[in-house]
Amino acid sequence: MKNKWVRKIGVIATFTAFAMMAIGSGSTDAAKENKQIVGADTEQSVQDEQEGIAEETGKGASIEEQILLEQDGIKITAKNNTEKNIGVGCNALIVNDYMITDLFSTSVAAGKKANEVMYMSSTELEAAGISNIGQIEVYFHIYDGDNFETILDADRVVIQTSQYENMDTENSQDGKELYNQDGIRIVGKYVDEGSFWGTAVLLYIENTSGRNIGVGCDDMSINGFMVTPYFSCTVYDGKKALDDITIMSSDLEQNGIESVDELEVNFHIYDVDSYETITDTGAITFSAK
C-alpha cells in the first residue's frame, strides 16, 4: 500500500513568527492492476498519469516569511491573542489548482503558540502530475477549543513557492468523459482492482460552474450487481480534483465479482454552501478493459 501522507508543509500550520516550508518524500509503488475506462461501445485510450512522475514531489520548493492570516485576534504564524482556547483545521487545501486532502488539526491554548505540520496526500499529488508545488491555497477553519463552535471560516490564504513559475498546471483529464454540463466535467480515468479496500474507480472532476460543488454517487452496479460506493468529493469553483469511488472487497466477494467489467452509476451534484441539488445525472454506463 502506498504511503499516502509523506508530503508535509511546515509553513501552513506554523503558529510562530517565522515561516518555513519542508516537503518530505517517500517511496511509492506503481499503480497495480489498473484497467482503462472506456465507453459502452467505443474503446478510448487512457494514459496512466502516475507514469513518469518524480518521486519527490515539490523537491527544492521554498517560501519567504509571511503572515498567512490575521483576523479577529488570531494570527497564523503568530501568537493566539484571543482569550479562548482555539482549534485550527482547514476546510480546503488546494495545490496548483487541485483539491488535495490534508491531514491537519491543532489546538492552541489562549495566549499560547504552537508549531505544527500540515500533511498533504502524496498519492493525490502524484495522480495529478504535480512534481513542482508552485501555489498553495488554504481555507482555515478556526473553532472554540472547548465547545467546538466555529469562530472563523477564513478567506483564502495564498502561498506562492519558489517553484511558482515552474509549477505543474496540466490537466489530468485523459480518459472517458462521463459527464459534461453547465461547467461541471467528470472523466473516468481507470479502475484499480488492487486498491487497499477492494476496487477503486479514479475520477477527474473539473468545476467552472461559478459555485463550489460537492459530488457523490449512488445506485451503482458492477457487472449488473448492485454495490455500495463510497465517494464524496468537494471541488471549489475554478478548481480540479482527482478522487476515487471505493467499492469494498467484501461487496465484490458477496456478489461473486472477480473482474470489474461493466459499471453503472448515478452522480449526485450539489452546491456545498447551500446544499441545494444542482443535478442528479441519472444512470451513466461505462466499461473497464
Protein backbone atom coordinates (compact mmCIF):
# COMPACT_ATOMS: atom_id res chain seq x y z
CA MET A 1 0.00 0.00 0.00
CA LYS A 2 1.24 3.47 -0.81
CA ASN A 3 2.40 5.73 1.98
CA LYS A 4 -0.25 8.40 1.50
CA TRP A 5 0.86 11.03 3.97
CA VAL A 6 4.50 11.71 3.18
CA ARG A 7 4.31 15.28 1.91
CA LYS A 8 4.23 17.96 4.57
CA ILE A 9 4.05 21.73 4.72
CA GLY A 10 5.70 23.24 7.75
CA VAL A 11 4.65 26.79 6.98
CA ILE A 12 0.90 26.39 6.71
CA ALA A 13 0.38 25.07 10.17
CA THR A 14 3.08 27.04 11.97
CA PHE A 15 1.92 29.46 14.64
CA THR A 16 5.22 31.21 15.31
CA ALA A 17 6.63 34.47 13.98
CA PHE A 18 8.60 32.78 11.24
CA ALA A 19 7.63 30.57 8.36
CA MET A 20 9.49 27.81 6.58
CA MET A 21 8.43 25.10 4.19
CA ALA A 22 9.51 21.48 4.40
CA ILE A 23 8.41 18.98 1.83
CA GLY A 24 9.29 15.39 2.61
CA SER A 25 9.32 12.45 0.27
CA GLY A 26 8.65 8.77 0.49
CA SER A 27 8.71 5.77 -1.76
CA THR A 28 5.58 4.82 -3.69
CA ASP A 29 4.67 1.70 -5.59
CA ALA A 30 3.50 1.77 -9.19
CA ALA A 31 -0.26 1.51 -9.74
CA LYS A 32 -1.37 -2.12 -9.74
CA GLU A 33 -3.87 -3.82 -11.99
CA ASN A 34 -5.30 -0.61 -13.43
CA LYS A 35 -7.95 -1.10 -16.10
CA GLN A 36 -8.78 1.56 -18.66
CA ILE A 37 -12.22 3.13 -18.55
CA VAL A 38 -13.91 3.11 -21.95
CA GLY A 39 -17.38 3.78 -23.31
CA ALA A 40 -20.04 1.15 -23.63
CA ASP A 41 -19.33 0.85 -27.37
CA THR A 42 -16.08 2.68 -28.12
CA GLU A 43 -12.70 1.99 -26.58
CA GLN A 44 -10.63 5.07 -25.75
CA SER A 45 -7.01 5.19 -24.71
CA VAL A 46 -6.44 6.21 -21.10
CA GLN A 47 -2.99 7.32 -20.05
CA ASP A 48 -1.88 6.45 -16.56
CA GLU A 49 -0.99 9.83 -15.07
CA GLN A 50 1.19 8.20 -12.47
CA GLU A 51 3.86 7.20 -15.00
CA GLY A 52 7.00 9.28 -15.08
CA ILE A 53 6.10 11.38 -12.05
CA ALA A 54 9.04 12.38 -9.88
CA GLU A 55 9.24 10.56 -6.56
CA GLU A 56 9.99 13.69 -4.57
CA THR A 57 7.00 15.99 -5.01
CA GLY A 58 7.95 19.62 -4.56
CA LYS A 59 11.67 18.99 -4.26
CA GLY A 60 13.53 22.26 -3.86
CA ALA A 61 10.47 24.44 -3.21
CA SER A 62 10.68 27.11 -0.53
CA ILE A 63 8.72 30.15 0.54
CA GLU A 64 9.50 33.53 2.04
CA GLU A 65 8.49 34.51 5.55
CA GLN A 66 4.90 35.74 5.66
CA ILE A 67 1.82 36.08 7.85
CA LEU A 68 -0.83 33.77 6.45
CA LEU A 69 -3.89 35.01 8.33
CA GLU A 70 -4.65 37.89 10.68
CA GLN A 71 -8.28 38.36 11.66
CA ASP A 72 -10.39 38.64 14.82
CA GLY A 73 -7.37 38.49 17.13
CA ILE A 74 -5.96 35.34 15.54
CA LYS A 75 -2.68 35.27 13.64
CA ILE A 76 -1.42 32.20 11.88
CA THR A 77 2.39 32.33 12.14
CA ALA A 78 1.88 34.37 15.29
CA LYS A 79 0.63 34.16 18.87
CA ASN A 80 -3.00 33.33 19.68
CA ASN A 81 -4.08 36.71 21.09
CA THR A 82 -7.64 35.73 21.97
CA GLU A 83 -8.81 34.77 25.44
CA LYS A 84 -10.11 31.47 24.11
CA ASN A 85 -8.56 28.09 23.60
CA ILE A 86 -8.83 27.54 19.87
CA GLY A 87 -8.61 24.67 17.43
CA VAL A 88 -7.41 25.12 13.89
CA GLY A 89 -8.07 22.90 10.90
CA CYS A 90 -8.83 23.69 7.30
CA ASN A 91 -11.87 23.45 5.08
CA ALA A 92 -9.84 23.06 1.91
CA LEU A 93 -6.27 22.67 0.69
CA ILE A 94 -5.56 23.41 -2.96
CA VAL A 95 -2.21 22.79 -4.66
CA ASN A 96 -1.59 24.05 -8.21
CA ASP A 97 -5.41 24.37 -8.61
CA TYR A 98 -6.04 20.76 -7.48
CA MET A 99 -8.09 19.93 -4.40
CA ILE A 100 -5.73 17.87 -2.20
CA THR A 101 -6.62 16.03 1.01
CA ASP A 102 -4.84 17.37 4.09
CA LEU A 103 -4.25 15.83 7.49
CA PHE A 104 -4.17 18.70 9.94
CA SER A 105 -5.74 19.70 13.25
CA THR A 106 -4.14 21.52 16.14
CA SER A 107 -5.09 23.10 19.46
CA VAL A 108 -3.69 26.40 20.76
CA ALA A 109 -4.37 27.49 24.34
CA ALA A 110 -5.28 31.14 24.98
CA GLY A 111 -2.20 33.36 24.76
CA LYS A 112 0.00 30.49 23.56
CA LYS A 113 1.60 29.46 20.30
CA ALA A 114 2.27 26.16 18.59
CA ASN A 115 4.38 24.76 15.79
CA GLU A 116 2.51 22.22 13.69
CA VAL A 117 2.88 20.50 10.34
CA MET A 118 0.17 20.05 7.74
CA TYR A 119 0.47 16.83 5.75
CA MET A 120 -0.86 16.53 2.22
CA SER A 121 -1.64 13.38 0.26
CA SER A 122 1.34 12.34 -1.85
CA THR A 123 -0.88 9.86 -3.70
CA GLU A 124 -3.19 12.64 -4.86
CA LEU A 125 -0.28 14.91 -5.81
CA GLU A 126 1.22 12.17 -7.94
CA ALA A 127 -2.10 11.29 -9.56
CA ALA A 128 -2.47 14.97 -10.52
CA GLY A 129 1.01 15.00 -12.01
CA ILE A 130 2.27 17.56 -9.50
CA SER A 131 6.02 17.36 -9.00
CA ASN A 132 6.63 21.12 -8.65
CA ILE A 133 4.46 22.72 -5.98
CA GLY A 134 4.13 26.35 -7.00
CA GLN A 135 0.97 27.62 -5.30
CA ILE A 136 -0.85 26.50 -2.17
CA GLU A 137 -4.29 27.80 -1.21
CA VAL A 138 -5.69 27.15 2.24
CA TYR A 139 -9.10 27.87 3.75
CA PHE A 140 -8.57 27.75 7.52
CA HIS A 141 -11.32 26.68 9.91
CA ILE A 142 -10.93 28.07 13.42
CA TYR A 143 -13.15 26.93 16.26
CA ASP A 144 -13.56 27.21 20.02
CA GLY A 145 -11.38 24.52 21.58
CA ASP A 146 -13.82 23.95 24.43
CA ASN A 147 -17.21 23.71 22.70
CA PHE A 148 -16.15 23.28 19.03
CA GLU A 149 -18.30 26.19 17.87
CA THR A 150 -16.99 27.91 14.75
CA ILE A 151 -15.07 31.12 15.42
CA LEU A 152 -13.99 31.81 11.86
CA ASP A 153 -14.06 30.22 8.44
CA ALA A 154 -11.27 32.26 6.92
CA ASP A 155 -10.99 33.58 3.40
CA ARG A 156 -8.46 32.03 1.07
CA VAL A 157 -4.81 32.21 2.05
CA VAL A 158 -2.45 32.01 -0.94
CA ILE A 159 1.18 30.90 -0.68
CA GLN A 160 3.49 31.01 -3.68
CA THR A 161 6.68 28.96 -3.50
CA SER A 162 9.98 29.46 -5.28
CA GLN A 163 8.71 26.98 -7.89
CA TYR A 164 5.71 29.15 -8.84
CA GLU A 165 6.97 29.92 -12.34
CA ASN A 166 7.71 26.24 -12.98
CA MET A 167 4.70 24.63 -11.30
CA ASP A 168 2.80 21.81 -12.97
CA THR A 169 -0.53 23.05 -14.35
CA GLU A 170 -1.55 20.46 -16.94
CA ASN A 171 -5.00 18.94 -16.56
CA SER A 172 -5.00 15.28 -15.62
CA GLN A 173 -8.09 14.66 -17.75
CA ASP A 174 -7.23 11.85 -20.17
CA GLY A 175 -9.85 9.13 -20.00
CA LYS A 176 -13.53 8.59 -20.77
CA GLU A 177 -15.78 11.63 -20.35
CA LEU A 178 -18.76 10.57 -18.24
CA TYR A 179 -20.49 13.91 -17.70
CA ASN A 180 -20.02 17.46 -19.05
CA GLN A 181 -22.69 20.08 -18.44
CA ASP A 182 -23.00 23.61 -17.02
CA GLY A 183 -19.30 23.90 -16.22
CA ILE A 184 -19.01 20.55 -14.44
CA ARG A 185 -16.96 17.82 -16.10
CA ILE A 186 -16.38 14.28 -14.83
CA VAL A 187 -13.87 11.97 -16.52
CA GLY A 188 -13.33 8.29 -15.68
CA LYS A 189 -9.60 7.59 -15.72
CA TYR A 190 -9.11 3.96 -14.68
CA VAL A 191 -10.28 1.14 -12.43
CA ASP A 192 -7.77 -0.11 -9.88
CA GLU A 193 -8.69 -3.66 -8.83
CA GLY A 194 -5.73 -3.82 -6.46
CA SER A 195 -6.58 -0.87 -4.20
CA PHE A 196 -6.32 -1.22 -0.42
CA TRP A 197 -10.06 -1.55 0.30
CA GLY A 198 -11.03 -3.51 -2.79
CA THR A 199 -11.60 -1.70 -6.07
CA ALA A 200 -11.27 2.00 -6.84
CA VAL A 201 -12.57 3.98 -9.81
CA LEU A 202 -10.42 7.09 -10.28
CA LEU A 203 -12.29 10.19 -11.47
CA TYR A 204 -11.09 13.58 -12.69
CA ILE A 205 -13.54 16.39 -11.86
CA GLU A 206 -13.29 19.94 -13.17
CA ASN A 207 -15.52 22.76 -11.92
CA THR A 208 -16.06 26.05 -13.78
CA SER A 209 -19.73 26.34 -12.79
CA GLY A 210 -19.39 29.53 -10.77
CA ARG A 211 -20.01 27.87 -7.40
CA ASN A 212 -18.37 25.36 -5.08
CA ILE A 213 -19.74 21.89 -5.66
CA GLY A 214 -19.89 18.51 -3.97
CA VAL A 215 -20.12 15.26 -5.92
CA GLY A 216 -21.39 11.96 -4.55
CA CYS A 217 -22.83 8.86 -6.18
CA ASP A 218 -25.44 6.16 -5.64
CA ASP A 219 -27.35 3.43 -7.48
CA MET A 220 -24.06 1.85 -8.54
CA SER A 221 -23.81 -1.56 -10.14
CA ILE A 222 -20.88 -3.65 -11.32
CA ASN A 223 -21.46 -6.38 -13.88
CA GLY A 224 -25.19 -5.99 -13.19
CA PHE A 225 -24.91 -6.41 -9.39
CA MET A 226 -25.77 -3.54 -7.05
CA VAL A 227 -22.86 -2.46 -4.85
CA THR A 228 -22.32 0.26 -2.24
CA PRO A 229 -19.99 3.03 -3.46
CA TYR A 230 -18.02 5.18 -1.03
CA PHE A 231 -17.39 8.56 -2.60
CA SER A 232 -17.62 12.22 -1.67
CA CYS A 233 -15.63 14.94 -3.38
CA THR A 234 -15.66 18.74 -2.96
CA VAL A 235 -14.41 20.90 -5.82
CA TYR A 236 -14.23 24.66 -5.42
CA ASP A 237 -15.10 26.92 -8.33
CA GLY A 238 -12.31 27.13 -10.88
CA LYS A 239 -10.55 24.10 -9.39
CA LYS A 240 -9.97 20.42 -10.20
CA ALA A 241 -9.86 17.18 -8.25
CA LEU A 242 -8.84 13.55 -8.59
CA ASP A 243 -10.72 11.18 -6.30
CA ASP A 244 -11.68 7.51 -6.04
CA ILE A 245 -15.03 5.79 -5.88
CA THR A 246 -14.27 2.94 -3.48
CA ILE A 247 -16.05 -0.42 -3.57
CA MET A 248 -15.26 -2.73 -0.67
CA SER A 249 -13.76 -6.14 -1.47
CA SER A 250 -16.43 -7.79 0.72
CA ASP A 251 -19.13 -6.30 -1.52
CA LEU A 252 -17.47 -7.75 -4.59
CA GLU A 253 -16.99 -11.15 -2.97
CA GLN A 254 -20.63 -11.38 -1.87
CA ASN A 255 -21.71 -10.87 -5.46
CA GLY A 256 -19.10 -13.22 -6.92
CA ILE A 257 -17.43 -10.39 -8.87
CA GLU A 258 -13.91 -11.40 -9.81
CA SER A 259 -13.38 -8.85 -12.58
CA VAL A 260 -14.83 -5.33 -12.87
CA ASP A 261 -16.03 -5.03 -16.46
CA GLU A 262 -19.31 -3.11 -16.73
CA LEU A 263 -20.22 -0.22 -14.42
CA GLU A 264 -23.27 1.97 -13.95
CA VAL A 265 -23.58 4.92 -11.56
CA ASN A 266 -25.66 8.00 -10.81
CA PHE A 267 -23.79 11.15 -9.75
CA HIS A 268 -25.41 13.50 -7.25
CA ILE A 269 -24.03 17.03 -7.67
CA TYR A 270 -24.89 19.80 -5.20
CA ASP A 271 -23.87 23.27 -4.01
CA VAL A 272 -21.65 22.78 -0.94
CA ASP A 273 -22.57 26.16 0.53
CA SER A 274 -26.36 25.84 0.32
CA TYR A 275 -26.66 22.03 -0.10
CA GLU A 276 -29.02 22.75 -2.98
CA THR A 277 -29.11 19.94 -5.54
CA ILE A 278 -27.59 21.01 -8.84
CA THR A 279 -28.35 17.79 -10.66
CA ASP A 280 -28.75 14.04 -10.42
CA THR A 281 -27.21 12.75 -13.61
CA GLY A 282 -29.21 9.55 -13.90
CA ALA A 283 -27.59 6.25 -14.84
CA ILE A 284 -24.21 6.58 -16.59
CA THR A 285 -22.84 3.36 -18.07
CA PHE A 286 -19.19 2.67 -18.93
CA SER A 287 -16.77 -0.22 -19.27
CA ALA A 288 -13.34 -1.15 -17.94
CA LYS A 289 -10.92 -3.09 -20.13
